[in-house]
Amino acid sequence: LVHEIWGKLVMLAVRRDASMAQAHAWWDQAHAWWRRTADPAHPTSEGASDEAELHHLRGEIYYRESKYAEAADAERRAIALIARVPAPPLQLPRYEDALAKSLERLGGLDEALQLHERALAAASAALGASHPNVVKLEINYGKALLKRDRLVQARAVLMGALAGIPARHR
């Protein structure tokens, strides 16, 4: 629970603070908490999930700082850890989406599109097409398609995202 709170604080700083100093400080606290509670001799799915979340949080910080290679590396680490869990949780599509966004900035549009597609398929199957997280993944996929000049497909994906939002919220 404490690890989750630190994670929320890190994301709050990433989204709200002009400087990433607070995000780094809170990430350090989250990492320290994880180190105190992790048992390297007896790794668990929960421990791998917590460690993966730490890498993802660091990736979010790096992305906000325009350190896209470092962000991609952190997301790859998160994905590698979470993929070892017997039934990968719903964090995997979020991590793949974050990696894809970094790769887009680094010019890796083909790999980014594959990651967006995989993340969207997994999240849609688990959550349903109208879930807000799925809509966000569709938007990110649509943006990547625009960058690749696949305008017809981008329009279809973005229209699908819009259709996934209840009419009263559009």
C-alpha atoms as a PDB file:
ATOM      1  CA  LEU A   1       0.000   0.000   0.000  1.00  0.00           C
ATOM      2  CA  VAL A   2       2.832   2.394   0.837  1.00  0.00           C
ATOM      3  CA  HIS A   3       4.505   1.600  -2.480  1.00  0.00           C
ATOM      4  CA  GLU A   4       1.255   2.424  -4.282  1.00  0.00           C
ATOM      5  CA  ILE A   5       0.996   5.778  -2.487  1.00  0.00           C
ATOM      6  CA  TRP A   6       4.562   6.736  -3.430  1.00  0.00           C
ATOM      7  CA  GLY A   7       3.790   5.744  -7.016  1.00  0.00           C
ATOM      8  CA  LYS A   8       0.731   7.995  -7.085  1.00  0.00           C
ATOM      9  CA  LEU A   9       2.795  10.862  -5.676  1.00  0.00           C
ATOM     10  CA  VAL A  10       5.443  10.390  -8.372  1.00  0.00           C
ATOM     11  CA  MET A  11       2.796  10.500 -11.118  1.00  0.00           C
ATOM     12  CA  LEU A  12       1.202  13.544  -9.505  1.00  0.00           C
ATOM     13  CA  ALA A  13       4.549  15.343  -9.660  1.00  0.00           C
ATOM     14  CA  VAL A  14       5.126  14.194 -13.256  1.00  0.00           C
ATOM     15  CA  ARG A  15       1.757  15.545 -14.335  1.00  0.00           C
ATOM     16  CA  ARG A  16       1.613  18.739 -12.261  1.00  0.00           C
ATOM     17  CA  ASP A  17       5.097  20.049 -11.466  1.00  0.00           C
ATOM     18  CA  ALA A  18       7.083  22.246 -13.821  1.00  0.00           C
ATOM     19  CA  SER A  19      10.295  20.752 -12.474  1.00  0.00           C
ATOM     20  CA  MET A  20      10.879  17.045 -12.162  1.00  0.00           C
ATOM     21  CA  ALA A  21      12.868  17.528  -8.942  1.00  0.00           C
ATOM     22  CA  GLN A  22       9.865  16.529  -6.816  1.00  0.00           C
ATOM     23  CA  ALA A  23       9.139  13.528  -9.037  1.00  0.00           C
ATOM     24  CA  HIS A  24      12.741  12.348  -8.675  1.00  0.00           C
ATOM     25  CA  ALA A  25      12.630  12.855  -4.893  1.00  0.00           C
ATOM     26  CA  TRP A  26       9.395  10.902  -4.556  1.00  0.00           C
ATOM     27  CA  TRP A  27      10.692   8.196  -6.905  1.00  0.00           C
ATOM     28  CA  ASP A  28      13.738   7.863  -4.630  1.00  0.00           C
ATOM     29  CA  GLN A  29      11.355   7.383  -1.678  1.00  0.00           C
ATOM     30  CA  ALA A  30       9.351   4.771  -3.596  1.00  0.00           C
ATOM     31  CA  HIS A  31      12.541   2.949  -4.540  1.00  0.00           C
ATOM     32  CA  ALA A  32      13.823   3.040  -0.959  1.00  0.00           C
ATOM     33  CA  TRP A  33      10.526   1.606   0.272  1.00  0.00           C
ATOM     34  CA  TRP A  34      10.652  -1.155  -2.323  1.00  0.00           C
ATOM     35  CA  ARG A  35      14.248  -2.031  -1.361  1.00  0.00           C
ATOM     36  CA  ARG A  36      13.241  -2.300   2.307  1.00  0.00           C
ATOM     37  CA  THR A  37      10.373  -4.655   1.556  1.00  0.00           C
ATOM     38  CA  ALA A  38      11.693  -6.697  -1.395  1.00  0.00           C
ATOM     39  CA  ASP A  39      13.081 -10.151  -0.732  1.00  0.00           C
ATOM     40  CA  PRO A  40      15.600 -10.935  -3.501  1.00  0.00           C
ATOM     41  CA  ALA A  41      16.009 -14.500  -2.191  1.00  0.00           C
ATOM     42  CA  HIS A  42      12.279 -15.194  -2.670  1.00  0.00           C
ATOM     43  CA  PRO A  43      10.974 -13.132  -5.597  1.00  0.00           C
ATOM     44  CA  THR A  44       7.200 -13.004  -5.965  1.00  0.00           C
ATOM     45  CA  SER A  45       4.820 -11.901  -8.687  1.00  0.00           C
ATOM     46  CA  GLU A  46       3.852  -8.951  -6.503  1.00  0.00           C
ATOM     47  CA  GLY A  47       7.501  -8.004  -6.014  1.00  0.00           C
ATOM     48  CA  ALA A  48       8.157  -8.185  -9.761  1.00  0.00           C
ATOM     49  CA  SER A  49       5.063  -6.093 -10.368  1.00  0.00           C
ATOM     50  CA  ASP A  50       6.207  -3.466  -7.845  1.00  0.00           C
ATOM     51  CA  GLU A  51       9.703  -3.351  -9.330  1.00  0.00           C
ATOM     52  CA  ALA A  52       8.251  -3.070 -12.835  1.00  0.00           C
ATOM     53  CA  GLU A  53       6.092  -0.161 -11.681  1.00  0.00           C
ATOM     54  CA  LEU A  54       9.220   1.583 -10.369  1.00  0.00           C
ATOM     55  CA  HIS A  55      10.889   1.266 -13.764  1.00  0.00           C
ATOM     56  CA  HIS A  56       7.727   2.559 -15.431  1.00  0.00           C
ATOM     57  CA  LEU A  57       7.589   5.553 -13.083  1.00  0.00           C
ATOM     58  CA  ARG A  58      11.194   6.379 -13.857  1.00  0.00           C
ATOM     59  CA  GLY A  59      10.343   6.075 -17.551  1.00  0.00           C
ATOM     60  CA  GLU A  60       7.506   8.562 -17.101  1.00  0.00           C
ATOM     61  CA  ILE A  61       9.907  11.013 -15.441  1.00  0.00           C
ATOM     62  CA  TYR A  62      12.484  10.621 -18.215  1.00  0.00           C
ATOM     63  CA  TYR A  63       9.814  11.035 -20.894  1.00  0.00           C
ATOM     64  CA  ARG A  64       8.677  14.297 -19.316  1.00  0.00           C
ATOM     65  CA  GLU A  65      12.311  15.443 -19.245  1.00  0.00           C
ATOM     66  CA  SER A  66      12.621  14.612 -22.981  1.00  0.00           C
ATOM     67  CA  LYS A  67      15.138  11.854 -22.211  1.00  0.00           C
ATOM     68  CA  TYR A  68      13.466   9.442 -24.599  1.00  0.00           C
ATOM     69  CA  ALA A  69      16.240   6.826 -24.812  1.00  0.00           C
ATOM     70  CA  GLU A  70      16.362   6.583 -21.014  1.00  0.00           C
ATOM     71  CA  ALA A  71      12.557   6.430 -20.894  1.00  0.00           C
ATOM     72  CA  ALA A  72      12.514   3.611 -23.452  1.00  0.00           C
ATOM     73  CA  ASP A  73      15.148   1.700 -21.473  1.00  0.00           C
ATOM     74  CA  ALA A  74      13.149   2.046 -18.254  1.00  0.00           C
ATOM     75  CA  GLU A  75       9.958   0.865 -19.990  1.00  0.00           C
ATOM     76  CA  ARG A  76      11.767  -2.115 -21.536  1.00  0.00           C
ATOM     77  CA  ARG A  77      12.925  -3.092 -18.039  1.00  0.00           C
ATOM     78  CA  ALA A  78       9.373  -2.784 -16.727  1.00  0.00           C
ATOM     79  CA  ILE A  79       8.042  -4.937 -19.569  1.00  0.00           C
ATOM     80  CA  ALA A  80      10.725  -7.586 -19.052  1.00  0.00           C
ATOM     81  CA  LEU A  81       9.872  -7.839 -15.359  1.00  0.00           C
ATOM     82  CA  ILE A  82       6.120  -7.899 -15.776  1.00  0.00           C
ATOM     83  CA  ALA A  83       6.325 -10.437 -18.614  1.00  0.00           C
ATOM     84  CA  ARG A  84       7.850 -12.947 -16.152  1.00  0.00           C
ATOM     85  CA  VAL A  85       4.707 -12.862 -14.008  1.00  0.00           C
ATOM     86  CA  PRO A  86       2.584 -15.981 -14.728  1.00  0.00           C
ATOM     87  CA  ALA A  87      -0.485 -13.950 -15.719  1.00  0.00           C
ATOM     88  CA  PRO A  88       0.806 -10.507 -16.730  1.00  0.00           C
ATOM     89  CA  PRO A  89      -1.421  -7.872 -15.150  1.00  0.00           C
ATOM     90  CA  LEU A  90      -3.061  -4.993 -16.940  1.00  0.00           C
ATOM     91  CA  GLN A  91       0.027  -2.872 -16.406  1.00  0.00           C
ATOM     92  CA  LEU A  92       1.648  -4.500 -19.435  1.00  0.00           C
ATOM     93  CA  PRO A  93      -0.420  -2.573 -22.037  1.00  0.00           C
ATOM     94  CA  ARG A  94       0.307   0.669 -20.148  1.00  0.00           C
ATOM     95  CA  TYR A  95       4.047  -0.050 -20.184  1.00  0.00           C
ATOM     96  CA  GLU A  96       3.967  -1.022 -23.875  1.00  0.00           C
ATOM     97  CA  ASP A  97       2.106   2.190 -24.675  1.00  0.00           C
ATOM     98  CA  ALA A  98       4.676   4.253 -22.752  1.00  0.00           C
ATOM     99  CA  LEU A  99       7.540   2.500 -24.557  1.00  0.00           C
ATOM    100  CA  ALA A 100       5.826   3.116 -27.889  1.00  0.00           C
ATOM    101  CA  LYS A 101       5.529   6.843 -27.184  1.00  0.00           C
ATOM    102  CA  SER A 102       9.253   7.042 -26.400  1.00  0.00           C
ATOM    103  CA  LEU A 103      10.134   5.074 -29.519  1.00  0.00           C
ATOM    104  CA  GLU A 104       8.034   7.463 -31.609  1.00  0.00           C
ATOM    105  CA  ARG A 105      10.191  10.326 -30.354  1.00  0.00           C
ATOM    106  CA  LEU A 106      13.320   8.326 -31.202  1.00  0.00           C
ATOM    107  CA  GLY A 107      12.143   7.595 -34.752  1.00  0.00           C
ATOM    108  CA  GLY A 108      11.174   3.961 -34.149  1.00  0.00           C
ATOM    109  CA  LEU A 109       7.677   4.298 -35.580  1.00  0.00           C
ATOM    110  CA  ASP A 110       7.375   0.736 -36.892  1.00  0.00           C
ATOM    111  CA  GLU A 111       8.148  -0.830 -33.509  1.00  0.00           C
ATOM    112  CA  ALA A 112       5.990   1.794 -31.803  1.00  0.00           C
ATOM    113  CA  LEU A 113       3.002   0.907 -33.982  1.00  0.00           C
ATOM    114  CA  GLN A 114       3.413  -2.788 -33.161  1.00  0.00           C
ATOM    115  CA  LEU A 115       3.530  -1.995 -29.450  1.00  0.00           C
ATOM    116  CA  HIS A 116       0.462   0.241 -29.692  1.00  0.00           C
ATOM    117  CA  GLU A 117      -1.437  -2.518 -31.514  1.00  0.00           C
ATOM    118  CA  ARG A 118      -0.451  -5.164 -28.963  1.00  0.00           C
ATOM    119  CA  ALA A 119      -1.286  -2.914 -26.009  1.00  0.00           C
ATOM    120  CA  LEU A 120      -4.633  -1.962 -27.509  1.00  0.00           C
ATOM    121  CA  ALA A 121      -5.578  -5.567 -28.269  1.00  0.00           C
ATOM    122  CA  ALA A 122      -4.723  -6.771 -24.751  1.00  0.00           C
ATOM    123  CA  ALA A 123      -6.469  -3.894 -23.004  1.00  0.00           C
ATOM    124  CA  SER A 124      -9.565  -4.143 -25.217  1.00  0.00           C
ATOM    125  CA  ALA A 125      -9.886  -7.860 -24.542  1.00  0.00           C
ATOM    126  CA  ALA A 126      -9.539  -7.377 -20.795  1.00  0.00           C
ATOM    127  CA  LEU A 127     -11.430  -4.127 -20.268  1.00  0.00           C
ATOM    128  CA  GLY A 128     -13.773  -3.665 -23.212  1.00  0.00           C
ATOM    129  CA  ALA A 129     -13.702  -1.106 -26.000  1.00  0.00           C
ATOM    130  CA  SER A 130     -15.304   1.724 -24.041  1.00  0.00           C
ATOM    131  CA  HIS A 131     -13.025   1.622 -21.002  1.00  0.00           C
ATOM    132  CA  PRO A 132     -11.214   4.984 -20.531  1.00  0.00           C
ATOM    133  CA  ASN A 133      -7.809   3.288 -20.570  1.00  0.00           C
ATOM    134  CA  VAL A 134      -8.622   1.640 -23.900  1.00  0.00           C
ATOM    135  CA  VAL A 135      -9.795   4.956 -25.340  1.00  0.00           C
ATOM    136  CA  LYS A 136      -6.495   6.543 -24.264  1.00  0.00           C
ATOM    137  CA  LEU A 137      -4.550   3.707 -25.931  1.00  0.00           C
ATOM    138  CA  GLU A 138      -6.589   4.213 -29.118  1.00  0.00           C
ATOM    139  CA  ILE A 139      -5.795   7.916 -29.103  1.00  0.00           C
ATOM    140  CA  ASN A 140      -2.072   7.233 -28.726  1.00  0.00           C
ATOM    141  CA  TYR A 141      -2.230   4.641 -31.508  1.00  0.00           C
ATOM    142  CA  GLY A 142      -4.088   7.108 -33.731  1.00  0.00           C
ATOM    143  CA  LYS A 143      -1.417   9.751 -33.112  1.00  0.00           C
ATOM    144  CA  ALA A 144       1.307   7.265 -34.059  1.00  0.00           C
ATOM    145  CA  LEU A 145      -0.542   6.406 -37.263  1.00  0.00           C
ATOM    146  CA  LEU A 146      -0.721  10.136 -38.085  1.00  0.00           C
ATOM    147  CA  LYS A 147       3.057  10.411 -37.652  1.00  0.00           C
ATOM    148  CA  ARG A 148       3.424   7.533 -40.128  1.00  0.00           C
ATOM    149  CA  ASP A 149       1.111   9.336 -42.591  1.00  0.00           C
ATOM    150  CA  ARG A 150      -1.425   6.527 -42.425  1.00  0.00           C
ATOM    151  CA  LEU A 151      -4.233   9.055 -42.398  1.00  0.00           C
ATOM    152  CA  VAL A 152      -7.170   6.819 -43.335  1.00  0.00           C
ATOM    153  CA  GLN A 153      -6.310   4.282 -40.648  1.00  0.00           C
ATOM    154  CA  ALA A 154      -5.613   7.052 -38.118  1.00  0.00           C
ATOM    155  CA  ARG A 155      -9.027   8.571 -38.784  1.00  0.00           C
ATOM    156  CA  ALA A 156     -10.717   5.195 -38.293  1.00  0.00           C
ATOM    157  CA  VAL A 157      -8.868   4.555 -35.022  1.00  0.00           C
ATOM    158  CA  LEU A 158      -9.588   8.034 -33.669  1.00  0.00           C
ATOM    159  CA  MET A 159     -13.236   7.794 -34.702  1.00  0.00           C
ATOM    160  CA  GLY A 160     -13.349   4.437 -32.889  1.00  0.00           C
ATOM    161  CA  ALA A 161     -11.915   6.092 -29.794  1.00  0.00           C
ATOM    162  CA  LEU A 162     -14.546   8.781 -29.997  1.00  0.00           C
ATOM    163  CA  ALA A 163     -17.275   6.168 -30.447  1.00  0.00           C
ATOM    164  CA  GLY A 164     -15.988   4.393 -27.321  1.00  0.00           C
ATOM    165  CA  ILE A 165     -16.790   7.449 -25.224  1.00  0.00           C
ATOM    166  CA  PRO A 166     -20.419   7.590 -24.070  1.00  0.00           C
ATOM    167  CA  ALA A 167     -22.376  10.180 -26.088  1.00  0.00           C
ATOM    168  CA  ARG A 168     -23.081  12.363 -23.056  1.00  0.00           C
ATOM    169  CA  HIS A 169     -19.319  12.806 -22.501  1.00  0.00           C
ATOM    170  CA  ARG A 170     -18.295  13.586 -26.080  1.00  0.00           C
END
